[in-house]
């Protein structure tokens, strides 16, 4: 909708305005015209004509909505959805959100347009199933209409039984998993008649299970079985060790034996639990004795020695496995013999493919490192003399080859006239190892004497 502003006060003109017939495109609002406003070439004596761009109104209303505003309101409801009146007001710009909502509800829903276009949706007939008389009697729980009389048992017995007197329920009811039958049911818009029938059958089955639960609870109440099965209240205070706690297996066994409690007294059920638990322990012990017999143990006195030796043997196997799977062991940098005197022993054997180097630290403990073997990377790329050198330094062949490559590359660049400075070594490398590698390469003519 085109906006027209007053040429004098620059405010937007809504409704009637006065246009000068002598000046080109000159409009004044009613207030400025009444004050005799003059701007540029316009004078108050000029002839004028009255304009009203809003045009006729569709609905007779005091607010007088124009045709353009009506069209913009319908477009806004279609674009932003019914109920988003803030969006409609922002779209029209000349009306507030409250005005948009009131106008649309009054004329398009409750007015002539709504009566002609909107169909009346009948309200669903809701049946009151809580009425206990006549044909409207529903299958709901009797606890909705009948007063609950709590069982006459003490607080301690209620806690032992898991009984909640205000609800007349137990923490664990009969058929306690019955609710899982309908817990995941939901009515979807794409369900056909077969799906709906299956879901209704599940609900009917769930109702039957609830009725059986209520029947058992009613029988237990009528014959006083709940109060009779409650444990007696102990008058002597419990000591911290008066009742041995059952572990996870004991709790699982108790849950599995609960269905038999309806046929036993409390003492008989406890005896059954103890006997079954004892039977399990004996069977487990028999299996252990059979295993010992297969391993040659025929005396109970030798069992402890066997278990101890077996533990040590398994520990050694585990350590060997970890050592085989582990990477190359990190070696602490050794200082020279002359500076610290820490190098205690260095074994170099030409006929052995695996050697050990022992280093003694400040605390007196000896750390043993494996020498070069064929499982290390780069083992096939070094000569026998280089293997002896790696053994003497406790260095892997792969690290030695890397250092050797850097030294030879720096030497060749120096021979070609490039100033590369000193030879490059890995950070933290021992000076003794540097001298050994440089001396070995010079003796075998890999590099010349510097």
Protein backbone atom coordinates (compact mmCIF):
# COMPACT_ATOMS: atom_id res chain seq x y z
CA UNK A 1 0.00 0.00 0.00
CA UNK A 2 1.43 3.41 -1.07
CA UNK A 3 2.25 5.71 1.81
CA UNK A 4 1.45 9.43 1.47
CA UNK A 5 3.19 11.95 3.69
CA UNK A 6 2.42 15.55 4.44
CA UNK A 7 4.84 17.89 2.63
CA UNK A 8 4.96 20.19 5.64
CA UNK A 9 5.16 17.98 8.80
CA UNK A 10 6.32 14.83 6.95
CA UNK A 11 3.87 12.64 8.91
CA UNK A 12 2.05 9.80 7.20
CA UNK A 13 -1.49 10.73 6.15
CA UNK A 14 -4.22 8.19 6.91
CA UNK A 15 -7.64 9.07 5.61
CA UNK A 16 -8.52 12.46 4.18
CA UNK A 17 -5.90 14.87 2.81
CA UNK A 18 -5.81 18.08 0.75
CA UNK A 19 -3.97 18.22 -2.57
CA UNK A 20 -2.91 21.55 -4.10
CA UNK A 21 -4.15 21.95 -7.67
CA UNK A 22 -1.52 24.54 -8.57
CA UNK A 23 1.60 22.85 -7.09
CA UNK A 24 2.86 19.54 -8.48
CA UNK A 25 2.47 16.58 -6.11
CA UNK A 26 1.80 18.64 -3.01
CA UNK A 27 -0.28 17.17 -0.13
CA UNK A 28 -1.13 18.54 3.31
CA UNK A 29 -2.70 16.87 6.30
CA UNK A 30 -5.76 18.41 7.95
CA UNK A 31 -3.79 19.91 10.86
CA UNK A 32 -1.22 21.66 8.66
CA UNK A 33 -3.91 22.93 6.31
CA UNK A 34 -5.89 24.41 9.21
CA UNK A 35 -2.76 26.31 10.35
CA UNK A 36 -2.22 27.73 6.86
CA UNK A 37 1.11 26.05 6.20
CA UNK A 38 3.22 27.44 3.32
CA UNK A 39 6.24 25.64 1.92
CA UNK A 40 8.43 26.72 -1.01
CA UNK A 41 6.13 28.00 -3.81
CA UNK A 42 2.92 26.86 -2.14
CA UNK A 43 0.68 29.56 -0.73
CA UNK A 44 -2.43 29.28 1.38
CA UNK A 45 -4.50 31.03 -1.28
CA UNK A 46 -3.94 28.19 -3.79
CA UNK A 47 -6.90 26.10 -4.79
CA UNK A 48 -7.10 22.56 -3.38
CA UNK A 49 -9.09 19.34 -3.61
CA UNK A 50 -9.98 16.78 -0.91
CA UNK A 51 -8.59 13.24 -1.36
CA UNK A 52 -9.26 9.97 0.51
CA UNK A 53 -7.20 6.94 -0.65
CA UNK A 54 -8.81 4.48 1.76
CA UNK A 55 -11.88 4.14 -0.37
CA UNK A 56 -15.04 2.38 0.70
CA UNK A 57 -15.10 -0.06 3.61
CA UNK A 58 -16.29 -3.67 3.35
CA UNK A 59 -17.62 -3.91 6.89
CA UNK A 60 -19.47 -1.24 8.77
CA UNK A 61 -17.17 -0.53 11.70
CA UNK A 62 -16.09 2.48 13.69
CA UNK A 63 -12.43 1.83 12.88
CA UNK A 64 -13.14 1.78 9.10
CA UNK A 65 -10.68 -0.73 7.59
CA UNK A 66 -9.81 0.05 3.98
CA UNK A 67 -9.83 -2.46 1.15
CA UNK A 68 -6.04 -2.52 1.10
CA UNK A 69 -5.88 -3.27 4.82
CA UNK A 70 -8.44 -6.06 4.45
CA UNK A 71 -6.40 -7.68 1.68
CA UNK A 72 -3.18 -7.34 3.67
CA UNK A 73 -4.84 -8.90 6.73
CA UNK A 74 -5.96 -11.94 4.73
CA UNK A 75 -2.51 -12.26 3.17
CA UNK A 76 -0.86 -12.06 6.60
CA UNK A 77 -3.11 -14.79 8.07
CA UNK A 78 -2.34 -17.03 5.10
CA UNK A 79 1.40 -16.33 5.26
CA UNK A 80 2.06 -16.28 9.02
CA UNK A 81 -0.77 -18.56 10.15
CA UNK A 82 -3.83 -17.98 12.27
CA UNK A 83 -2.86 -16.67 15.70
CA UNK A 84 0.35 -14.88 14.75
CA UNK A 85 -1.15 -11.42 15.16
CA UNK A 86 2.20 -9.75 15.74
CA UNK A 87 3.28 -10.89 12.28
CA UNK A 88 -0.01 -9.65 10.81
CA UNK A 89 0.42 -6.23 12.45
CA UNK A 90 3.98 -5.97 11.14
CA UNK A 91 2.71 -6.86 7.66
CA UNK A 92 -0.10 -4.26 7.64
CA UNK A 93 1.95 -1.64 9.59
CA UNK A 94 -1.08 0.60 10.17
CA UNK A 95 -2.86 -1.65 12.68
CA UNK A 96 -1.85 -3.17 16.02
CA UNK A 97 -1.89 -6.89 16.86
CA UNK A 98 -5.00 -6.49 19.04
CA UNK A 99 -6.88 -4.66 16.30
CA UNK A 100 -5.96 -7.36 13.76
CA UNK A 101 -7.14 -10.17 16.05
CA UNK A 102 -10.41 -8.45 17.02
CA UNK A 103 -11.26 -7.53 13.44
CA UNK A 104 -10.53 -11.00 12.05
CA UNK A 105 -12.46 -12.83 14.79
CA UNK A 106 -15.42 -10.42 14.65
CA UNK A 107 -15.96 -10.34 10.88
CA UNK A 108 -14.21 -13.44 9.39
CA UNK A 109 -14.95 -16.07 12.05
CA UNK A 110 -17.98 -14.99 14.03
CA UNK A 111 -19.43 -12.78 11.30
CA UNK A 112 -21.14 -13.36 7.97
CA UNK A 113 -18.00 -14.75 6.30
CA UNK A 114 -17.45 -17.32 9.05
CA UNK A 115 -21.07 -18.46 9.00
CA UNK A 116 -20.93 -19.00 5.23
CA UNK A 117 -17.57 -20.77 5.03
CA UNK A 118 -16.79 -22.50 8.35
CA UNK A 119 -18.54 -25.76 9.18
CA UNK A 120 -19.64 -26.38 12.71
CA UNK A 121 -17.66 -29.31 14.19
CA UNK A 122 -19.84 -31.33 16.58
CA UNK A 123 -18.40 -31.85 20.02
CA UNK A 124 -17.63 -35.51 20.85
CA UNK A 125 -19.97 -37.24 23.27
CA UNK A 126 -17.96 -38.11 26.38
CA UNK A 127 -19.28 -40.95 28.53
CA UNK A 128 -18.82 -40.76 32.28
CA UNK A 129 -17.43 -44.21 33.14
CA UNK A 130 -16.98 -43.32 36.81
CA UNK A 131 -20.73 -43.77 37.37
CA UNK A 132 -21.20 -47.08 39.16
CA UNK A 133 -24.90 -47.49 38.33
CA UNK A 134 -26.65 -48.80 35.22
CA UNK A 135 -25.16 -49.32 31.81
CA UNK A 136 -22.58 -46.55 32.29
CA UNK A 137 -20.72 -48.53 34.93
CA UNK A 138 -17.07 -48.53 33.83
CA UNK A 139 -14.14 -50.91 34.46
CA UNK A 140 -12.09 -48.40 36.40
CA UNK A 141 -10.43 -49.27 39.68
CA UNK A 142 -12.82 -49.46 42.69
CA UNK A 143 -10.38 -47.21 44.54
CA UNK A 144 -11.92 -44.25 42.64
CA UNK A 145 -15.34 -44.73 44.24
CA UNK A 146 -14.70 -46.79 47.39
CA UNK A 147 -12.92 -45.50 50.46
CA UNK A 148 -9.61 -47.24 51.19
CA UNK A 149 -9.25 -48.88 54.59
CA UNK A 150 -5.53 -49.23 55.35
CA UNK A 151 -4.25 -52.54 56.69
CA UNK A 152 -3.76 -52.73 60.41
CA UNK A 153 0.02 -53.27 60.42
CA UNK A 154 2.83 -51.26 61.92
CA UNK A 155 5.16 -48.90 60.13
CA UNK A 156 8.09 -51.30 60.33
CA UNK A 157 6.01 -54.11 58.83
CA UNK A 158 4.82 -51.79 56.07
CA UNK A 159 8.41 -51.04 55.16
CA UNK A 160 9.31 -54.73 55.19
CA UNK A 161 6.40 -55.57 52.90
CA UNK A 162 6.81 -52.49 50.69
CA UNK A 163 3.19 -51.56 51.42
CA UNK A 164 1.86 -48.04 50.80
CA UNK A 165 -1.31 -47.66 52.92
CA UNK A 166 -2.58 -44.41 51.37
CA UNK A 167 -2.64 -46.00 47.92
CA UNK A 168 -3.35 -49.56 49.04
CA UNK A 169 -0.54 -50.69 46.75
CA UNK A 170 2.73 -52.58 47.08
CA UNK A 171 6.06 -51.59 45.64
CA UNK A 172 6.04 -54.88 43.74
CA UNK A 173 2.56 -56.02 42.73
CA UNK A 174 1.38 -59.29 41.27
CA UNK A 175 2.30 -59.42 37.56
CA UNK A 176 4.43 -56.34 38.07
CA UNK A 177 5.40 -56.12 34.38
CA UNK A 178 1.79 -55.91 33.13
CA UNK A 179 2.13 -52.22 32.26
CA UNK A 180 4.81 -52.96 29.65
CA UNK A 181 2.04 -54.40 27.46
CA UNK A 182 0.55 -50.93 26.82
CA UNK A 183 3.40 -48.59 27.74
CA UNK A 184 4.53 -48.21 24.12
CA UNK A 185 1.08 -48.03 22.49
CA UNK A 186 0.05 -44.90 20.65
CA UNK A 187 -2.63 -44.04 18.13
CA UNK A 188 -1.19 -42.85 14.83
CA UNK A 189 -2.98 -41.11 11.99
CA UNK A 190 -1.91 -43.78 9.49
CA UNK A 191 -3.24 -46.76 11.47
CA UNK A 192 -5.62 -48.98 9.54
CA UNK A 193 -8.42 -51.06 10.98
CA UNK A 194 -6.15 -54.04 11.67
CA UNK A 195 -3.64 -51.93 13.64
CA UNK A 196 -6.41 -50.39 15.71
CA UNK A 197 -7.92 -53.81 16.41
CA UNK A 198 -4.54 -55.18 17.57
CA UNK A 199 -4.01 -52.25 19.91
CA UNK A 200 -7.49 -52.59 21.37
CA UNK A 201 -6.83 -56.29 21.94
CA UNK A 202 -3.66 -55.41 23.86
CA UNK A 203 -5.61 -52.96 26.02
CA UNK A 204 -8.23 -55.64 26.73
CA UNK A 205 -5.53 -58.08 27.74
CA UNK A 206 -4.00 -55.47 30.02
CA UNK A 207 -7.39 -54.92 31.68
CA UNK A 208 -7.71 -58.66 32.34
CA UNK A 209 -4.30 -58.70 34.00
CA UNK A 210 -5.27 -55.73 36.16
CA UNK A 211 -8.48 -57.49 37.18
CA UNK A 212 -6.48 -60.56 38.23
CA UNK A 213 -4.18 -58.34 40.27
CA UNK A 214 -7.14 -56.71 42.01
CA UNK A 215 -8.73 -60.11 42.65
CA UNK A 216 -5.62 -61.41 44.38
CA UNK A 217 -5.30 -58.23 46.42
CA UNK A 218 -8.95 -58.46 47.46
CA UNK A 219 -8.56 -62.09 48.56
CA UNK A 220 -5.44 -61.25 50.54
CA UNK A 221 -7.31 -58.44 52.30
CA UNK A 222 -10.48 -60.48 53.01
CA UNK A 223 -8.62 -63.41 54.52
CA UNK A 224 -6.00 -61.33 56.31
CA UNK A 225 -3.11 -62.85 54.38
CA UNK A 226 -1.17 -59.58 54.12
CA UNK A 227 -1.15 -58.95 57.85
CA UNK A 228 -0.40 -62.62 58.56
CA UNK A 229 2.57 -62.63 56.20
CA UNK A 230 4.12 -59.50 57.72
CA UNK A 231 7.31 -60.24 59.71
CA UNK A 232 6.97 -59.89 63.49
CA UNK A 233 8.25 -56.73 65.10
CA UNK A 234 11.52 -57.43 66.88
CA UNK A 235 11.70 -55.99 70.40
CA UNK A 236 15.47 -56.30 70.60
CA UNK A 237 17.44 -53.64 68.78
CA UNK A 238 19.27 -54.79 65.71
CA UNK A 239 23.04 -55.00 65.85
CA UNK A 240 25.10 -53.91 62.89
CA UNK A 241 25.86 -57.55 62.03
CA UNK A 242 22.54 -59.11 63.03
CA UNK A 243 21.48 -59.62 59.38
CA UNK A 244 23.93 -60.60 56.73
CA UNK A 245 23.54 -58.65 53.55
CA UNK A 246 22.90 -60.75 50.49
CA UNK A 247 24.85 -59.93 47.37
CA UNK A 248 23.63 -59.52 43.84
CA UNK A 249 23.23 -63.26 43.30
CA UNK A 250 21.32 -63.52 46.59
CA UNK A 251 18.89 -60.77 45.57
CA UNK A 252 18.31 -62.41 42.18
CA UNK A 253 17.61 -65.73 43.89
CA UNK A 254 15.13 -64.06 46.24
CA UNK A 255 13.27 -62.54 43.28
CA UNK A 256 13.08 -65.92 41.54
CA UNK A 257 11.76 -67.65 44.67
CA UNK A 258 9.11 -65.05 45.44
CA UNK A 259 6.30 -66.95 43.59
CA UNK A 260 6.75 -69.84 46.07
CA UNK A 261 6.18 -67.59 49.08
CA UNK A 262 2.41 -67.96 48.72
CA UNK A 263 2.72 -71.64 49.68
CA UNK A 264 5.11 -71.20 52.65
CA UNK A 265 5.26 -69.47 55.94
CA UNK A 266 8.02 -66.95 56.53
CA UNK A 267 10.28 -69.52 58.25
CA UNK A 268 9.71 -72.16 55.57
CA UNK A 269 10.44 -69.70 52.77
CA UNK A 270 13.66 -68.56 54.46
CA UNK A 271 14.70 -72.20 54.86
CA UNK A 272 14.03 -72.80 51.16
CA UNK A 273 16.15 -69.79 50.22
CA UNK A 274 19.05 -70.91 52.45
CA UNK A 275 18.95 -74.47 51.09
CA UNK A 276 18.94 -73.38 47.46
CA UNK A 277 21.77 -70.97 48.12
CA UNK A 278 23.75 -73.68 49.89
CA UNK A 279 23.15 -76.01 46.96
CA UNK A 280 24.62 -73.45 44.58
CA UNK A 281 27.70 -73.00 46.76
CA UNK A 282 28.27 -76.77 46.95
CA UNK A 283 27.98 -77.16 43.17
CA UNK A 284 30.48 -74.34 42.67
CA UNK A 285 32.89 -75.96 45.12
CA UNK A 286 32.56 -79.34 43.38
CA UNK A 287 33.50 -77.73 40.06
CA UNK A 288 36.60 -76.22 41.69
CA UNK A 289 37.64 -79.59 43.13
CA UNK A 290 37.17 -81.29 39.75
CA UNK A 291 39.41 -78.64 38.17
CA UNK A 292 42.07 -79.23 40.84
CA UNK A 293 41.89 -83.00 40.30
CA UNK A 294 42.45 -82.53 36.55
CA UNK A 295 45.59 -80.54 37.38
CA UNK A 296 46.96 -83.32 39.65
CA UNK A 297 46.02 -81.85 43.05
CA UNK A 298 44.70 -84.61 45.30
CA UNK A 299 45.05 -82.99 48.74
CA UNK A 300 43.29 -79.96 50.15
CA UNK A 301 46.56 -78.81 51.74
CA UNK A 302 48.16 -78.47 48.29
CA UNK A 303 45.36 -76.28 46.98
CA UNK A 304 46.73 -73.04 48.40
CA UNK A 305 50.21 -73.72 47.01
CA UNK A 306 48.75 -74.55 43.61
CA UNK A 307 46.65 -71.40 43.50
CA UNK A 308 49.63 -69.26 44.46
CA UNK A 309 51.87 -70.82 41.81
CA UNK A 310 49.08 -70.51 39.24
CA UNK A 311 48.71 -66.82 40.04
CA UNK A 312 52.46 -66.25 39.61
CA UNK A 313 52.49 -68.19 36.33
CA UNK A 314 49.57 -66.22 34.96
CA UNK A 315 51.24 -62.99 36.05
CA UNK A 316 54.43 -63.93 34.18
CA UNK A 317 52.46 -64.76 31.07
CA UNK A 318 50.67 -61.45 31.28
CA UNK A 319 53.96 -59.54 31.67
CA UNK A 320 55.49 -61.34 28.70
CA UNK A 321 52.46 -60.55 26.60
CA UNK A 322 52.59 -56.88 27.57
CA UNK A 323 56.32 -56.78 26.80
CA UNK A 324 55.77 -58.31 23.37
CA UNK A 325 52.92 -55.92 22.54
CA UNK A 326 54.59 -52.82 23.86
CA UNK A 327 56.61 -50.51 21.71
CA UNK A 328 60.35 -49.98 21.94
CA UNK A 329 61.15 -49.18 25.58
CA UNK A 330 62.24 -45.63 26.26
CA UNK A 331 65.79 -45.39 27.50
CA UNK A 332 66.96 -42.68 29.87
CA UNK A 333 69.92 -40.74 28.55
CA UNK A 334 73.15 -42.12 29.93
CA UNK A 335 75.97 -39.77 30.73
CA UNK A 336 79.46 -40.71 29.97
CA UNK A 337 81.43 -43.06 32.17
CA UNK A 338 83.91 -40.35 32.88
CA UNK A 339 81.31 -37.80 34.11
CA UNK A 340 79.00 -39.95 36.26
CA UNK A 341 80.33 -43.47 36.29
CA UNK A 342 76.78 -44.76 36.01
CA UNK A 343 77.37 -47.25 33.17
CA UNK A 344 77.91 -50.46 35.06
CA UNK A 345 78.02 -53.13 32.46
CA UNK A 346 77.95 -53.36 28.67
CA UNK A 347 77.74 -56.80 27.06
CA UNK A 348 78.58 -57.07 23.39
CA UNK A 349 78.46 -60.47 21.79
CA UNK A 350 78.93 -60.93 18.05
CA UNK A 351 77.22 -64.32 17.87
CA UNK A 352 74.05 -63.28 19.72
CA UNK A 353 71.06 -61.67 18.08
CA UNK A 354 69.66 -60.39 21.39
CA UNK A 355 71.62 -58.75 24.18
CA UNK A 356 70.91 -56.80 27.35
CA UNK A 357 72.36 -53.59 28.73
CA UNK A 358 72.14 -52.90 32.47
CA UNK A 359 72.21 -49.37 33.80
CA UNK A 360 72.38 -48.49 37.47
CA UNK A 361 70.54 -45.35 38.56
CA UNK A 362 71.03 -43.22 41.64
CA UNK A 363 68.79 -45.35 43.86
CA UNK A 364 70.83 -48.44 43.18
CA UNK A 365 68.18 -50.19 41.11
CA UNK A 366 69.22 -51.81 37.85
CA UNK A 367 67.16 -51.27 34.74
CA UNK A 368 67.56 -53.91 32.03
CA UNK A 369 66.94 -53.15 28.38
CA UNK A 370 66.66 -55.69 25.59
CA UNK A 371 69.20 -55.45 22.80
CA UNK A 372 68.70 -55.61 19.06
CA UNK A 373 66.56 -58.47 17.78
CA UNK A 374 64.94 -59.36 14.47
CA UNK A 375 61.51 -58.11 15.63
CA UNK A 376 62.68 -54.48 15.72
CA UNK A 377 62.04 -52.24 12.71
CA UNK A 378 65.12 -51.70 10.55
CA UNK A 379 66.89 -54.87 11.77
CA UNK A 380 67.51 -56.14 8.21
CA UNK A 381 68.92 -52.75 7.07
CA UNK A 382 72.01 -52.69 9.33
CA UNK A 383 75.21 -54.73 9.24
CA UNK A 384 76.52 -56.98 11.99
CA UNK A 385 78.95 -54.30 13.20
CA UNK A 386 76.12 -51.75 13.28
CA UNK A 387 74.02 -54.21 15.31
CA UNK A 388 76.85 -54.46 17.84
CA UNK A 389 77.03 -50.65 17.97
CA UNK A 390 73.26 -50.40 18.58
CA UNK A 391 73.55 -53.01 21.33
CA UNK A 392 76.32 -51.10 23.05
CA UNK A 393 74.21 -47.91 23.07
CA UNK A 394 70.84 -49.54 23.75
CA UNK A 395 69.48 -47.96 20.56
CA UNK A 396 67.01 -49.41 18.10
CA UNK A 397 68.14 -49.91 14.48
CA UNK A 398 65.45 -47.53 13.20
CA UNK A 399 66.74 -44.65 15.38
CA UNK A 400 70.32 -45.43 14.38
CA UNK A 401 69.46 -45.35 10.67
CA UNK A 402 67.74 -41.97 11.09
CA UNK A 403 70.77 -40.44 12.86
CA UNK A 404 73.14 -42.00 10.34
CA UNK A 405 71.14 -40.53 7.42
CA UNK A 406 71.21 -37.02 8.92
CA UNK A 407 74.97 -37.15 9.56
CA UNK A 408 75.82 -38.40 6.05
CA UNK A 409 73.49 -35.83 4.44
CA UNK A 410 75.08 -32.97 6.40
CA UNK A 411 78.55 -34.26 5.47
CA UNK A 412 77.74 -34.33 1.73
CA UNK A 413 76.26 -30.82 1.81
CA UNK A 414 79.40 -29.60 3.56
CA UNK A 415 81.54 -31.22 0.87
CA UNK A 416 79.52 -29.38 -1.79
CA UNK A 417 80.40 -26.06 -0.20
CA UNK A 418 77.25 -25.40 1.78
CA UNK A 419 77.63 -24.05 5.30
CA UNK A 420 75.41 -26.37 7.37
CA UNK A 421 77.17 -25.84 10.69
CA UNK A 422 77.44 -28.74 13.09
CA UNK A 423 75.97 -32.17 12.52
CA UNK A 424 72.29 -32.48 13.42
CA UNK A 425 71.33 -34.81 16.26
CA UNK A 426 68.02 -35.61 17.93
CA UNK A 427 67.27 -33.53 21.00
CA UNK A 428 68.47 -35.01 24.31
CA UNK A 429 70.92 -37.45 22.68
CA UNK A 430 73.86 -38.48 24.85
CA UNK A 431 77.28 -37.04 23.87
CA UNK A 432 78.90 -40.46 24.28
CA UNK A 433 76.51 -41.92 21.69
CA UNK A 434 77.33 -39.07 19.32
CA UNK A 435 81.07 -39.78 19.56
CA UNK A 436 80.50 -43.51 19.04
CA UNK A 437 78.39 -43.03 15.92
CA UNK A 438 80.72 -40.40 14.39
CA UNK A 439 83.78 -42.59 15.13
CA UNK A 440 82.10 -45.67 13.67
CA UNK A 441 81.14 -43.84 10.45
CA UNK A 442 84.68 -42.44 10.09
CA UNK A 443 86.33 -45.81 10.72
CA UNK A 444 84.13 -47.44 8.07
CA UNK A 445 84.73 -44.54 5.60
CA UNK A 446 81.11 -43.40 5.48
CA UNK A 447 82.37 -39.87 6.22
CA UNK A 448 85.79 -38.32 6.25
CA UNK A 449 87.69 -37.11 9.28
CA UNK A 450 86.62 -33.60 10.19
